[in-house]
């Protein structure tokens, strides 16, 4: 068999396999529709999205994968399969801190896939508002960056909000220099959000020190502006370059290659246990000597690992602070419930923000 004949034979086999994959996807979809109808019958307000089930499917397939299809490709492939399946059960509406093509948008897409319906809003408060008023089932907001630290405004919103944390997304932040021009030598101005500029500070100083830098409301708005200014460049995501028709002049210009942002998924309801969960709580301690030590004791005595603790002024009383704490485990576990009960007697204020799957 000639080389051309071998290629044609393989292509025919790929076509046959694609037809079989399509048949199996439709068969899978019919079962998904049955599950959706059963859920709705039992509870008309039941959430169709189940992050624990999604994680279980991906992890099971990764364990069983004999190759050569790469394990890291299983998650994005099945994310879209499950996103499309959920759209058959009912519309999945997601509000996110916009505009489109920001990293929050990328995080939302990474969680819910292309088949969800997305609403871009102008502020973190507006994301909370969309979900609280029922205009969106879920909301996605940034909570902390590995370089720039905590997003304090998101923490503050939880003080008065009734929303729960339903999930989290860890999004790698890769910044790219982009422009209508194809030559870096043509660039006379660079636009971006202040956080992106801070995360690329050393690269800019080394490679573009003579070019003025101007802050923009978001990385996406910076890219949009460059569409009309051929001698300007933006620092933004790859999605922004695609959306606004820009050339990427230099990829991955962030100073820290391990640059990640953690995003929270908001919902009116909590998430079921998966066996690999974390719980977020917010509390205020009494203003007395040893108060913080007393706060930490219940965690140690119940064998609870704290993965994060962050303090913020309470805004209610001078020198009174709120602590935001992440712990390993789900609220339905006895040891977590026991710890929460012990904490209540030691705190002025305590609020459970939600139990949800750990991002993997």
Protein backbone atom coordinates (compact mmCIF):
# COMPACT_ATOMS: atom_id res chain seq x y z
CA UNK A 1 0.00 0.00 0.00
CA UNK A 2 1.37 3.41 -0.99
CA UNK A 3 1.75 6.30 1.45
CA UNK A 4 -1.21 8.06 -0.16
CA UNK A 5 -3.37 4.94 0.16
CA UNK A 6 -2.42 4.55 3.83
CA UNK A 7 -3.45 8.15 4.53
CA UNK A 8 -6.76 7.73 2.71
CA UNK A 9 -7.48 4.47 4.55
CA UNK A 10 -6.78 6.13 7.92
CA UNK A 11 -8.99 9.09 7.01
CA UNK A 12 -11.87 6.76 6.14
CA UNK A 13 -11.42 5.01 9.49
CA UNK A 14 -11.42 8.39 11.27
CA UNK A 15 -14.66 9.30 9.46
CA UNK A 16 -16.20 6.01 10.60
CA UNK A 17 -15.09 6.61 14.18
CA UNK A 18 -16.42 10.20 14.11
CA UNK A 19 -19.81 8.88 13.01
CA UNK A 20 -19.74 6.41 15.90
CA UNK A 21 -18.73 9.15 18.36
CA UNK A 22 -21.65 11.28 17.13
CA UNK A 23 -24.05 8.36 17.55
CA UNK A 24 -22.79 7.75 21.10
CA UNK A 25 -23.02 11.45 21.98
CA UNK A 26 -26.68 11.45 20.98
CA UNK A 27 -27.29 8.27 22.93
CA UNK A 28 -25.60 9.88 25.95
CA UNK A 29 -27.75 13.00 25.48
CA UNK A 30 -30.95 10.97 25.63
CA UNK A 31 -29.95 9.63 29.05
CA UNK A 32 -29.06 13.16 30.18
CA UNK A 33 -32.53 14.38 29.18
CA UNK A 34 -34.10 11.52 31.16
CA UNK A 35 -32.07 12.47 34.25
CA UNK A 36 -33.06 16.12 33.85
CA UNK A 37 -36.76 15.29 33.62
CA UNK A 38 -36.53 13.05 36.69
CA UNK A 39 -34.77 15.78 38.68
CA UNK A 40 -37.32 18.40 37.66
CA UNK A 41 -40.19 16.11 38.56
CA UNK A 42 -38.79 15.56 42.06
CA UNK A 43 -37.84 19.22 42.54
CA UNK A 44 -38.75 21.91 39.96
CA UNK A 45 -36.00 24.15 41.37
CA UNK A 46 -33.25 21.52 41.43
CA UNK A 47 -29.86 22.60 40.08
CA UNK A 48 -28.90 20.52 37.07
CA UNK A 49 -25.20 21.37 37.26
CA UNK A 50 -23.43 18.96 39.64
CA UNK A 51 -19.72 19.77 39.94
CA UNK A 52 -18.99 16.64 41.96
CA UNK A 53 -20.40 14.42 39.23
CA UNK A 54 -18.36 16.26 36.58
CA UNK A 55 -15.15 15.85 38.58
CA UNK A 56 -15.90 12.14 39.10
CA UNK A 57 -16.41 11.55 35.37
CA UNK A 58 -13.20 13.30 34.35
CA UNK A 59 -11.09 11.61 37.05
CA UNK A 60 -12.51 8.17 36.22
CA UNK A 61 -11.79 8.59 32.51
CA UNK A 62 -8.27 9.87 33.21
CA UNK A 63 -7.55 6.77 35.31
CA UNK A 64 -8.84 4.45 32.59
CA UNK A 65 -7.22 6.25 29.65
CA UNK A 66 -4.71 3.92 27.91
CA UNK A 67 -3.47 6.68 25.54
CA UNK A 68 -2.28 8.03 23.21
CA UNK A 69 -5.07 10.62 23.73
CA UNK A 70 -3.58 12.92 26.43
CA UNK A 71 -5.16 13.01 29.89
CA UNK A 72 -4.94 16.82 30.04
CA UNK A 73 -7.24 17.01 27.00
CA UNK A 74 -9.99 14.91 28.63
CA UNK A 75 -11.16 17.74 30.89
CA UNK A 76 -11.78 20.39 28.17
CA UNK A 77 -13.38 17.83 25.84
CA UNK A 78 -15.79 16.57 28.49
CA UNK A 79 -16.42 20.06 29.82
CA UNK A 80 -17.96 20.92 26.44
CA UNK A 81 -19.82 17.61 26.21
CA UNK A 82 -21.32 18.19 29.66
CA UNK A 83 -22.00 21.86 28.91
CA UNK A 84 -23.97 20.87 25.81
CA UNK A 85 -25.76 18.16 27.78
CA UNK A 86 -26.80 20.63 30.48
CA UNK A 87 -28.22 22.93 27.82
CA UNK A 88 -30.56 20.07 26.83
CA UNK A 89 -31.81 19.83 30.44
CA UNK A 90 -32.32 23.57 30.88
CA UNK A 91 -30.63 26.92 30.28
CA UNK A 92 -27.54 27.45 32.43
CA UNK A 93 -27.24 31.22 33.02
CA UNK A 94 -23.96 32.66 34.30
CA UNK A 95 -23.13 36.26 35.25
CA UNK A 96 -19.48 37.27 35.35
CA UNK A 97 -17.33 40.32 35.92
CA UNK A 98 -16.88 41.62 32.39
CA UNK A 99 -16.40 42.73 29.77
CA UNK A 100 -16.06 39.69 27.43
CA UNK A 101 -12.57 38.21 26.92
CA UNK A 102 -11.38 39.09 30.45
CA UNK A 103 -9.85 36.38 32.60
CA UNK A 104 -13.09 36.14 34.60
CA UNK A 105 -14.85 35.33 31.33
CA UNK A 106 -12.22 32.66 30.62
CA UNK A 107 -12.73 31.20 34.11
CA UNK A 108 -16.51 31.07 33.57
CA UNK A 109 -16.04 29.33 30.22
CA UNK A 110 -13.66 26.90 31.86
CA UNK A 111 -16.28 26.02 34.45
CA UNK A 112 -19.52 25.99 32.44
CA UNK A 113 -18.42 25.59 28.79
CA UNK A 114 -19.54 27.26 25.60
CA UNK A 115 -23.17 26.12 25.78
CA UNK A 116 -24.08 28.15 28.87
CA UNK A 117 -25.66 31.60 28.51
CA UNK A 118 -23.32 34.32 29.78
CA UNK A 119 -24.12 37.81 31.03
CA UNK A 120 -21.27 40.32 31.32
CA UNK A 121 -21.71 42.91 34.09
CA UNK A 122 -19.59 45.89 35.05
CA UNK A 123 -18.77 45.16 38.70
CA UNK A 124 -18.47 42.51 41.39
CA UNK A 125 -21.53 43.89 43.19
CA UNK A 126 -23.51 43.52 39.95
CA UNK A 127 -22.53 39.84 39.71
CA UNK A 128 -23.90 39.23 43.22
CA UNK A 129 -27.02 41.20 42.32
CA UNK A 130 -27.71 39.18 39.14
CA UNK A 131 -27.67 35.91 41.09
CA UNK A 132 -29.55 37.26 44.13
CA UNK A 133 -32.36 38.55 41.90
CA UNK A 134 -32.57 35.27 39.99
CA UNK A 135 -31.49 36.70 36.64
CA UNK A 136 -28.58 34.23 36.65
CA UNK A 137 -28.22 30.83 38.28
CA UNK A 138 -24.50 31.31 38.89
CA UNK A 139 -22.00 34.13 39.19
CA UNK A 140 -18.23 34.13 38.73
CA UNK A 141 -15.98 36.63 40.56
CA UNK A 142 -12.24 36.83 41.29
CA UNK A 143 -11.16 36.25 44.88
CA UNK A 144 -7.35 36.21 44.86
CA UNK A 145 -4.29 36.30 42.62
CA UNK A 146 -1.03 34.50 43.34
CA UNK A 147 0.90 37.72 42.61
CA UNK A 148 -1.41 40.58 43.62
CA UNK A 149 -3.20 38.94 46.57
CA UNK A 150 -6.82 39.02 47.72
CA UNK A 151 -9.64 40.89 45.98
CA UNK A 152 -10.95 42.65 49.07
CA UNK A 153 -14.17 43.88 47.48
CA UNK A 154 -15.29 40.29 46.84
CA UNK A 155 -14.66 39.41 50.49
CA UNK A 156 -16.61 42.47 51.64
CA UNK A 157 -19.63 41.51 49.51
CA UNK A 158 -20.06 38.28 51.48
CA UNK A 159 -20.70 40.20 54.71
CA UNK A 160 -24.29 41.07 53.75
CA UNK A 161 -24.97 38.69 50.85
CA UNK A 162 -27.07 35.54 51.25
CA UNK A 163 -25.30 33.80 48.35
CA UNK A 164 -23.25 30.65 48.83
CA UNK A 165 -19.93 29.65 47.32
CA UNK A 166 -20.81 26.82 44.91
CA UNK A 167 -17.39 26.15 43.44
CA UNK A 168 -13.98 27.55 42.59
CA UNK A 169 -11.89 27.86 39.44
CA UNK A 170 -8.12 28.22 39.28
CA UNK A 171 -7.31 30.11 36.08
CA UNK A 172 -3.76 30.45 34.81
CA UNK A 173 -3.13 34.10 33.93
CA UNK A 174 -1.06 34.40 30.78
CA UNK A 175 -0.59 37.94 29.48
CA UNK A 176 0.17 38.67 25.82
CA UNK A 177 1.28 41.85 24.07
CA UNK A 178 -1.04 42.44 21.10
CA UNK A 179 -1.69 45.07 18.45
CA UNK A 180 -3.18 45.74 15.01
CA UNK A 181 0.41 46.24 13.94
CA UNK A 182 2.60 43.21 13.34
CA UNK A 183 5.76 44.98 14.52
CA UNK A 184 6.65 45.78 18.13
CA UNK A 185 8.79 48.66 16.84
CA UNK A 186 5.62 50.50 15.75
CA UNK A 187 4.10 50.61 19.26
CA UNK A 188 3.74 54.10 20.74
CA UNK A 189 1.34 53.36 23.66
CA UNK A 190 0.53 50.29 25.75
CA UNK A 191 -2.89 49.88 27.41
CA UNK A 192 -3.95 47.42 30.10
CA UNK A 193 -5.58 46.99 33.48
CA UNK A 194 -3.48 48.02 36.48
CA UNK A 195 -3.20 44.40 37.73
CA UNK A 196 -1.93 43.18 34.37
CA UNK A 197 0.57 46.02 34.18
CA UNK A 198 1.82 45.15 37.67
CA UNK A 199 2.18 41.51 36.74
CA UNK A 200 4.27 42.43 33.67
CA UNK A 201 6.25 45.26 35.27
CA UNK A 202 9.73 43.75 34.83
CA UNK A 203 9.12 42.66 31.25
CA UNK A 204 7.88 46.12 30.31
CA UNK A 205 10.86 47.77 31.98
CA UNK A 206 13.29 45.49 30.13
CA UNK A 207 11.71 45.43 26.67
CA UNK A 208 9.39 48.47 26.33
CA UNK A 209 10.78 51.04 28.77
CA UNK A 210 10.48 53.92 26.29
CA UNK A 211 6.80 53.27 25.52
CA UNK A 212 4.18 55.09 27.66
CA UNK A 213 1.86 52.82 29.65
CA UNK A 214 -1.80 53.82 30.16
CA UNK A 215 -4.24 52.12 32.54
CA UNK A 216 -7.52 50.81 31.10
CA UNK A 217 -10.70 49.66 32.94
CA UNK A 218 -9.95 46.05 31.93
CA UNK A 219 -7.61 44.02 29.75
CA UNK A 220 -10.48 43.48 27.33
CA UNK A 221 -11.20 47.21 27.00
CA UNK A 222 -7.48 47.73 26.35
CA UNK A 223 -7.60 45.25 23.48
CA UNK A 224 -10.79 46.80 22.12
CA UNK A 225 -9.14 50.23 22.09
CA UNK A 226 -6.21 48.89 20.07
CA UNK A 227 -8.59 47.84 17.32
CA UNK A 228 -8.97 51.54 16.48
CA UNK A 229 -5.37 52.57 17.22
CA UNK A 230 -2.93 50.72 14.94
CA UNK A 231 0.16 52.08 16.74
CA UNK A 232 -1.08 51.04 20.20
CA UNK A 233 -0.70 47.71 21.97
CA UNK A 234 -2.60 45.98 24.76
CA UNK A 235 -1.67 43.45 27.41
CA UNK A 236 -4.55 41.00 27.52
CA UNK A 237 -5.63 37.38 27.05
CA UNK A 238 -5.35 35.27 23.92
CA UNK A 239 -9.16 35.30 23.72
CA UNK A 240 -9.09 39.12 23.57
CA UNK A 241 -6.67 38.98 20.63
CA UNK A 242 -9.04 36.62 18.80
CA UNK A 243 -12.13 38.66 19.65
CA UNK A 244 -10.70 42.01 18.50
CA UNK A 245 -8.60 40.82 15.57
CA UNK A 246 -5.18 41.67 17.00
CA UNK A 247 -1.76 40.17 16.35
CA UNK A 248 0.07 38.68 19.32
CA UNK A 249 3.51 40.32 19.26
CA UNK A 250 4.85 38.54 22.35
CA UNK A 251 3.33 35.68 24.33
CA UNK A 252 3.41 35.09 28.09
CA UNK A 253 5.06 38.29 29.21
CA UNK A 254 4.02 37.97 32.88
CA UNK A 255 6.96 38.20 35.27
CA UNK A 256 5.83 35.21 37.34
CA UNK A 257 5.27 32.08 35.26
CA UNK A 258 3.19 30.61 38.12
CA UNK A 259 0.57 33.35 37.88
CA UNK A 260 -2.90 32.10 38.80
CA UNK A 261 -6.14 33.72 39.86
CA UNK A 262 -8.71 31.92 41.97
CA UNK A 263 -12.33 32.60 41.07
CA UNK A 264 -15.44 31.75 43.07
CA UNK A 265 -18.71 30.45 41.66
CA UNK A 266 -21.71 31.98 43.43
CA UNK A 267 -25.15 30.41 43.76
CA UNK A 268 -28.23 30.53 45.98
CA UNK A 269 -27.58 26.91 46.95
CA UNK A 270 -24.62 24.98 48.30
CA UNK A 271 -22.86 22.07 46.65
CA UNK A 272 -23.20 18.40 47.63
CA UNK A 273 -20.20 16.56 49.15
CA UNK A 274 -17.72 14.98 46.74
CA UNK A 275 -15.15 13.62 49.19
CA UNK A 276 -12.68 16.30 48.19
CA UNK A 277 -14.18 19.55 49.43
CA UNK A 278 -13.39 22.75 51.27
CA UNK A 279 -15.57 24.99 53.43
CA UNK A 280 -15.28 28.78 53.64
CA UNK A 281 -16.39 30.65 56.76
CA UNK A 282 -16.41 34.27 57.90
CA UNK A 283 -16.16 35.20 61.56
CA UNK A 284 -15.39 37.99 63.99
CA UNK A 285 -13.62 37.37 67.30
CA UNK A 286 -13.99 39.15 70.61
CA UNK A 287 -11.48 41.94 71.23
CA UNK A 288 -9.45 40.40 74.05
CA UNK A 289 -6.01 38.95 74.71
CA UNK A 290 -5.60 35.49 73.20
CA UNK A 291 -8.73 35.78 71.02
CA UNK A 292 -7.00 34.52 67.89
CA UNK A 293 -5.46 31.61 69.79
CA UNK A 294 -8.90 30.64 71.10
CA UNK A 295 -10.20 30.83 67.53
CA UNK A 296 -7.59 28.39 66.23
CA UNK A 297 -7.99 25.74 68.97
CA UNK A 298 -11.20 24.10 67.63
CA UNK A 299 -9.54 23.51 64.27
CA UNK A 300 -6.60 21.74 65.88
CA UNK A 301 -8.68 19.70 68.35
CA UNK A 302 -10.91 18.38 65.55
CA UNK A 303 -8.06 17.68 63.14
CA UNK A 304 -9.17 20.34 60.65
CA UNK A 305 -6.60 21.77 58.23
CA UNK A 306 -6.89 25.46 57.44
CA UNK A 307 -5.82 26.26 53.88
CA UNK A 308 -6.31 30.02 54.18
CA UNK A 309 -6.97 32.76 56.72
CA UNK A 310 -7.46 36.42 55.75
CA UNK A 311 -8.45 39.40 57.91
CA UNK A 312 -10.49 42.48 56.96
CA UNK A 313 -11.84 45.47 58.93
CA UNK A 314 -15.46 44.71 59.83
CA UNK A 315 -16.75 48.17 58.72
CA UNK A 316 -19.13 48.02 61.68
CA UNK A 317 -16.88 48.98 64.59
CA UNK A 318 -13.44 50.60 64.78
CA UNK A 319 -10.60 48.08 65.23
CA UNK A 320 -12.95 45.12 64.88
CA UNK A 321 -11.83 42.58 62.28
CA UNK A 322 -13.45 39.82 60.27
CA UNK A 323 -11.54 36.66 59.43
CA UNK A 324 -12.16 34.70 56.25
CA UNK A 325 -11.08 31.08 56.65
CA UNK A 326 -10.90 28.13 54.24
CA UNK A 327 -10.80 24.66 55.78
CA UNK A 328 -10.60 21.16 54.32
CA UNK A 329 -13.85 19.22 54.43
CA UNK A 330 -17.61 19.61 53.86
CA UNK A 331 -20.19 21.06 56.25
CA UNK A 332 -22.07 17.75 56.24
CA UNK A 333 -19.09 16.02 57.89
CA UNK A 334 -19.43 15.59 61.66
CA UNK A 335 -15.96 17.01 62.39
CA UNK A 336 -16.74 20.18 60.41
CA UNK A 337 -20.15 20.67 62.07
CA UNK A 338 -18.57 20.09 65.47
CA UNK A 339 -15.87 22.67 64.76
CA UNK A 340 -18.43 25.24 63.62
CA UNK A 341 -20.47 24.75 66.80
CA UNK A 342 -17.39 25.21 68.97
CA UNK A 343 -16.45 28.37 67.08
CA UNK A 344 -19.88 29.94 67.59
CA UNK A 345 -19.31 30.19 71.34
CA UNK A 346 -16.01 31.98 70.77
CA UNK A 347 -17.11 34.45 68.09
CA UNK A 348 -19.11 37.65 67.95
CA UNK A 349 -20.27 36.68 64.48
CA UNK A 350 -19.95 33.55 62.32
CA UNK A 351 -21.24 32.83 58.84
CA UNK A 352 -20.69 29.74 56.68
CA UNK A 353 -20.11 30.88 53.10
CA UNK A 354 -20.37 27.42 51.56
CA UNK A 355 -18.87 23.97 51.07
CA UNK A 356 -17.74 23.13 47.56
CA UNK A 357 -15.40 20.85 45.58
CA UNK A 358 -11.69 21.64 45.65
CA UNK A 359 -10.52 22.63 42.19
CA UNK A 360 -8.43 19.85 40.66
